[in-house]
Amino acid sequence: MTIVQWLLLPAFIHVAWVYVIAVRMGAAKQRDVRGGHVKISDVSLDNSRWSENTRKLNNNYNNQFELPVFFYAILPLLLMMVKVDWLQVTLAWVFVASRILHSILHTGANIVMQRGGAFMIGFVAIGLMWLWFGLRLYVIG
């Protein structure tokens, strides 16, 4: 595989992961409605009425469109400016691994300190991606 393929593979994996979360969330919502735990009218404007498990999945799904925005913003810039290197590839993998770990912790036992640690790993990884990109673009060349 080329270095570009190695850079983009974590993005494909993250997209697939988001679909896994979405399917799990949809199934959980169906279970809640079919099991009589909620009425559609109760949750049309208030997500707090879903069961705890469904809320965790829903919140985690929404999380996949917050910090990852920075990840998906930098990928085309790295490609267009021809600044892809193995450090960026490594940081991309660390970022996506941290998102998957965060999801597993969030939708499982949901121990906030553990989940926060996984979040911080991704937060630092994406920050370093942007820092290194900026240095290569404006300072190092």
C-alpha atoms as a PDB file:
ATOM      1  CA  MET A   1       0.000   0.000   0.000  1.00  0.00           C
ATOM      2  CA  THR A   2       1.085   3.579  -0.593  1.00  0.00           C
ATOM      3  CA  ILE A   3       1.553   6.107   2.189  1.00  0.00           C
ATOM      4  CA  VAL A   4      -1.650   7.858   1.037  1.00  0.00           C
ATOM      5  CA  GLN A   5      -3.584   4.605   1.334  1.00  0.00           C
ATOM      6  CA  TRP A   6      -2.172   4.120   4.841  1.00  0.00           C
ATOM      7  CA  LEU A   7      -3.295   7.656   5.741  1.00  0.00           C
ATOM      8  CA  LEU A   8      -6.816   7.197   4.401  1.00  0.00           C
ATOM      9  CA  LEU A   9      -7.437   3.699   5.758  1.00  0.00           C
ATOM     10  CA  PRO A  10      -8.163   4.962   9.306  1.00  0.00           C
ATOM     11  CA  ALA A  11     -10.813   7.295   7.832  1.00  0.00           C
ATOM     12  CA  PHE A  12     -12.502   4.345   6.105  1.00  0.00           C
ATOM     13  CA  ILE A  13     -12.370   2.407   9.370  1.00  0.00           C
ATOM     14  CA  HIS A  14     -13.861   5.322  11.308  1.00  0.00           C
ATOM     15  CA  VAL A  15     -16.693   5.711   8.779  1.00  0.00           C
ATOM     16  CA  ALA A  16     -17.455   2.001   9.092  1.00  0.00           C
ATOM     17  CA  TRP A  17     -17.372   2.356  12.888  1.00  0.00           C
ATOM     18  CA  VAL A  18     -19.892   5.220  12.751  1.00  0.00           C
ATOM     19  CA  TYR A  19     -22.206   2.966  10.756  1.00  0.00           C
ATOM     20  CA  VAL A  20     -21.826   0.229  13.387  1.00  0.00           C
ATOM     21  CA  ILE A  21     -22.818   2.719  16.093  1.00  0.00           C
ATOM     22  CA  ALA A  22     -25.747   3.978  13.983  1.00  0.00           C
ATOM     23  CA  VAL A  23     -27.082   0.446  13.442  1.00  0.00           C
ATOM     24  CA  ARG A  24     -26.726  -0.352  17.156  1.00  0.00           C
ATOM     25  CA  MET A  25     -28.479   2.910  18.047  1.00  0.00           C
ATOM     26  CA  GLY A  26     -31.331   2.247  15.617  1.00  0.00           C
ATOM     27  CA  ALA A  27     -31.789  -1.269  16.960  1.00  0.00           C
ATOM     28  CA  ALA A  28     -31.801   0.029  20.548  1.00  0.00           C
ATOM     29  CA  LYS A  29     -34.433   2.639  19.687  1.00  0.00           C
ATOM     30  CA  GLN A  30     -36.598  -0.012  18.049  1.00  0.00           C
ATOM     31  CA  ARG A  31     -36.285  -2.211  21.157  1.00  0.00           C
ATOM     32  CA  ASP A  32     -37.302   0.699  23.390  1.00  0.00           C
ATOM     33  CA  VAL A  33     -40.379   1.457  21.295  1.00  0.00           C
ATOM     34  CA  ARG A  34     -41.404  -2.145  20.689  1.00  0.00           C
ATOM     35  CA  GLY A  35     -40.831  -3.008  24.343  1.00  0.00           C
ATOM     36  CA  GLY A  36     -43.176  -0.214  25.366  1.00  0.00           C
ATOM     37  CA  HIS A  37     -40.471   1.663  27.281  1.00  0.00           C
ATOM     38  CA  VAL A  38     -41.095   4.857  25.304  1.00  0.00           C
ATOM     39  CA  LYS A  39     -43.620   6.301  22.890  1.00  0.00           C
ATOM     40  CA  ILE A  40     -42.422   8.006  19.734  1.00  0.00           C
ATOM     41  CA  SER A  41     -44.247  11.165  20.805  1.00  0.00           C
ATOM     42  CA  ASP A  42     -42.269  11.133  24.085  1.00  0.00           C
ATOM     43  CA  VAL A  43     -38.891  11.161  22.332  1.00  0.00           C
ATOM     44  CA  SER A  44     -39.593  13.244  19.253  1.00  0.00           C
ATOM     45  CA  LEU A  45     -38.152  16.339  20.980  1.00  0.00           C
ATOM     46  CA  ASP A  46     -36.664  14.918  24.179  1.00  0.00           C
ATOM     47  CA  ASN A  47     -33.896  12.323  23.973  1.00  0.00           C
ATOM     48  CA  SER A  48     -33.789  11.974  27.763  1.00  0.00           C
ATOM     49  CA  ARG A  49     -36.790   9.632  27.610  1.00  0.00           C
ATOM     50  CA  TRP A  50     -34.866   6.848  25.865  1.00  0.00           C
ATOM     51  CA  SER A  51     -33.444   4.032  27.988  1.00  0.00           C
ATOM     52  CA  GLU A  52     -29.946   4.546  29.415  1.00  0.00           C
ATOM     53  CA  ASN A  53     -28.364   2.195  26.876  1.00  0.00           C
ATOM     54  CA  THR A  54     -30.057   3.958  23.971  1.00  0.00           C
ATOM     55  CA  ARG A  55     -29.001   7.383  25.278  1.00  0.00           C
ATOM     56  CA  LYS A  56     -25.391   6.194  25.525  1.00  0.00           C
ATOM     57  CA  LEU A  57     -25.471   4.988  21.925  1.00  0.00           C
ATOM     58  CA  ASN A  58     -27.192   8.183  20.779  1.00  0.00           C
ATOM     59  CA  ASN A  59     -24.671  10.379  22.606  1.00  0.00           C
ATOM     60  CA  ASN A  60     -21.770   8.364  21.260  1.00  0.00           C
ATOM     61  CA  TYR A  61     -23.104   8.609  17.724  1.00  0.00           C
ATOM     62  CA  ASN A  62     -23.297  12.396  18.106  1.00  0.00           C
ATOM     63  CA  ASN A  63     -19.711  12.428  19.460  1.00  0.00           C
ATOM     64  CA  GLN A  64     -18.529  11.000  16.136  1.00  0.00           C
ATOM     65  CA  PHE A  65     -19.385  14.341  14.497  1.00  0.00           C
ATOM     66  CA  GLU A  66     -17.570  16.569  16.963  1.00  0.00           C
ATOM     67  CA  LEU A  67     -13.796  16.048  17.366  1.00  0.00           C
ATOM     68  CA  PRO A  68     -13.543  13.950  14.149  1.00  0.00           C
ATOM     69  CA  VAL A  69     -14.413  17.083  12.158  1.00  0.00           C
ATOM     70  CA  PHE A  70     -10.798  18.182  12.686  1.00  0.00           C
ATOM     71  CA  PHE A  71      -9.605  14.791  11.417  1.00  0.00           C
ATOM     72  CA  TYR A  72     -11.665  14.928   8.235  1.00  0.00           C
ATOM     73  CA  ALA A  73     -10.673  18.557   7.654  1.00  0.00           C
ATOM     74  CA  ILE A  74      -6.953  17.848   7.716  1.00  0.00           C
ATOM     75  CA  LEU A  75      -6.936  14.802   5.434  1.00  0.00           C
ATOM     76  CA  PRO A  76      -7.627  16.625   2.150  1.00  0.00           C
ATOM     77  CA  LEU A  77      -5.232  19.409   3.160  1.00  0.00           C
ATOM     78  CA  LEU A  78      -2.445  16.896   3.722  1.00  0.00           C
ATOM     79  CA  LEU A  79      -3.140  15.392   0.315  1.00  0.00           C
ATOM     80  CA  MET A  80      -3.489  18.689  -1.585  1.00  0.00           C
ATOM     81  CA  MET A  81      -0.380  20.227  -0.032  1.00  0.00           C
ATOM     82  CA  VAL A  82       1.590  16.964  -0.416  1.00  0.00           C
ATOM     83  CA  LYS A  83       2.460  16.864   3.295  1.00  0.00           C
ATOM     84  CA  VAL A  84       1.632  13.215   4.005  1.00  0.00           C
ATOM     85  CA  ASP A  85       4.366  11.522   6.023  1.00  0.00           C
ATOM     86  CA  TRP A  86       4.614   8.565   8.360  1.00  0.00           C
ATOM     87  CA  LEU A  87       4.120  10.722  11.456  1.00  0.00           C
ATOM     88  CA  GLN A  88       0.754  11.878  10.079  1.00  0.00           C
ATOM     89  CA  VAL A  89      -0.163   8.299   9.216  1.00  0.00           C
ATOM     90  CA  THR A  90       0.713   7.140  12.736  1.00  0.00           C
ATOM     91  CA  LEU A  91      -1.248   9.969  14.342  1.00  0.00           C
ATOM     92  CA  ALA A  92      -4.259   9.202  12.120  1.00  0.00           C
ATOM     93  CA  TRP A  93      -4.227   5.593  13.331  1.00  0.00           C
ATOM     94  CA  VAL A  94      -3.866   6.686  16.955  1.00  0.00           C
ATOM     95  CA  PHE A  95      -6.783   9.085  16.526  1.00  0.00           C
ATOM     96  CA  VAL A  96      -9.131   6.498  15.046  1.00  0.00           C
ATOM     97  CA  ALA A  97      -8.093   3.852  17.585  1.00  0.00           C
ATOM     98  CA  SER A  98      -8.850   6.356  20.353  1.00  0.00           C
ATOM     99  CA  ARG A  99     -12.315   7.041  18.872  1.00  0.00           C
ATOM    100  CA  ILE A 100     -13.102   3.322  18.789  1.00  0.00           C
ATOM    101  CA  LEU A 101     -11.829   2.858  22.350  1.00  0.00           C
ATOM    102  CA  HIS A 102     -13.839   5.907  23.447  1.00  0.00           C
ATOM    103  CA  SER A 103     -16.967   4.401  21.879  1.00  0.00           C
ATOM    104  CA  ILE A 104     -16.463   1.043  23.537  1.00  0.00           C
ATOM    105  CA  LEU A 105     -15.987   2.691  26.934  1.00  0.00           C
ATOM    106  CA  HIS A 106     -18.844   5.157  26.403  1.00  0.00           C
ATOM    107  CA  THR A 107     -21.407   2.568  25.349  1.00  0.00           C
ATOM    108  CA  GLY A 108     -20.217   0.009  27.899  1.00  0.00           C
ATOM    109  CA  ALA A 109     -19.565   0.653  31.571  1.00  0.00           C
ATOM    110  CA  ASN A 110     -19.208   4.393  30.819  1.00  0.00           C
ATOM    111  CA  ILE A 111     -16.570   5.087  33.438  1.00  0.00           C
ATOM    112  CA  VAL A 112     -15.998   8.775  32.790  1.00  0.00           C
ATOM    113  CA  MET A 113     -12.310   8.850  33.774  1.00  0.00           C
ATOM    114  CA  GLN A 114     -11.471   5.989  31.399  1.00  0.00           C
ATOM    115  CA  ARG A 115     -13.575   7.499  28.642  1.00  0.00           C
ATOM    116  CA  GLY A 116     -11.915  10.867  29.253  1.00  0.00           C
ATOM    117  CA  GLY A 117      -8.489   9.267  28.902  1.00  0.00           C
ATOM    118  CA  ALA A 118      -9.439   7.779  25.539  1.00  0.00           C
ATOM    119  CA  PHE A 119     -10.811  11.160  24.467  1.00  0.00           C
ATOM    120  CA  MET A 120      -7.585  12.920  25.492  1.00  0.00           C
ATOM    121  CA  ILE A 121      -5.479  10.506  23.443  1.00  0.00           C
ATOM    122  CA  GLY A 122      -7.501  11.413  20.362  1.00  0.00           C
ATOM    123  CA  PHE A 123      -7.567  15.105  21.269  1.00  0.00           C
ATOM    124  CA  VAL A 124      -3.772  15.181  21.524  1.00  0.00           C
ATOM    125  CA  ALA A 125      -3.316  13.084  18.367  1.00  0.00           C
ATOM    126  CA  ILE A 126      -5.445  15.402  16.237  1.00  0.00           C
ATOM    127  CA  GLY A 127      -3.792  18.452  17.781  1.00  0.00           C
ATOM    128  CA  LEU A 128      -0.379  17.036  16.903  1.00  0.00           C
ATOM    129  CA  MET A 129      -1.551  16.324  13.353  1.00  0.00           C
ATOM    130  CA  TRP A 130      -2.479  19.982  12.937  1.00  0.00           C
ATOM    131  CA  LEU A 131       0.680  21.221  14.651  1.00  0.00           C
ATOM    132  CA  TRP A 132       2.948  19.069  12.469  1.00  0.00           C
ATOM    133  CA  PHE A 133       1.026  20.076   9.351  1.00  0.00           C
ATOM    134  CA  GLY A 134       1.427  23.746  10.252  1.00  0.00           C
ATOM    135  CA  LEU A 135       5.126  23.340  10.953  1.00  0.00           C
ATOM    136  CA  ARG A 136       5.692  21.539   7.665  1.00  0.00           C
ATOM    137  CA  LEU A 137       3.629  24.070   5.769  1.00  0.00           C
ATOM    138  CA  TYR A 138       5.006  27.291   7.221  1.00  0.00           C
ATOM    139  CA  VAL A 139       8.335  26.536   8.933  1.00  0.00           C
ATOM    140  CA  ILE A 140      10.024  23.347   7.800  1.00  0.00           C
ATOM    141  CA  GLY A 141       8.804  23.246   4.235  1.00  0.00           C
END
